Amino acid sequence: MELFVFLGLLALGYLAGNAVEQKHYASIKERERRTVSVPVYNMGAKQPLPEAEGAQLFVGSVVISSDYFKAFLASLSKLVGGQIFAYESLLDRGRREALLRMKEDAIRWGAKKVINVRLETATIGSRSGDSGILSIEIVAYGTGLR
């Protein structure tokens, strides 16, 4: 009986996780297309700042959780070591979503560009050695210029 519950959770995690991930990627691609006109880049400490009428700090954050199937695959990868492919799309979606939220907020303010963008990542929930579902928070922040 426990085996059927386990296999059911794996199948549900795979199907629902894939559907949610595909829908999220479609949303990200559409929003990236709409915001491509506002560049996001980093500047060196010795470079002069570009001329601007105003500047403001913008922050975008997101918390994304893995599904049961990816958590299972990641736990298998931990047994043999190496790269954990199951979490790569999780990080990719999180980073892109946090950057988009920051950028969309800057665009609403009237920013023409966002400079000196940084990303911070934190793990929520599962710690190493736990078999729980991993959740990550990603924060993107940068200075919008108009």
Foldseek 3Di string as FASTA:
>chain_A
DVVVVLVVQLVCLVVVVVVVLVVLVVVLVVLCVVLVQAEEEEDDPPDDDDDFPDKDKFKFKDKDWHGLNLLVQQVVCVVVDDDSPSCPSVVVSGVSRGVSRRSVVLVVVPFRYWYDKDKDKDWPDDDPPDSDIIMMMMMIMTMGGD
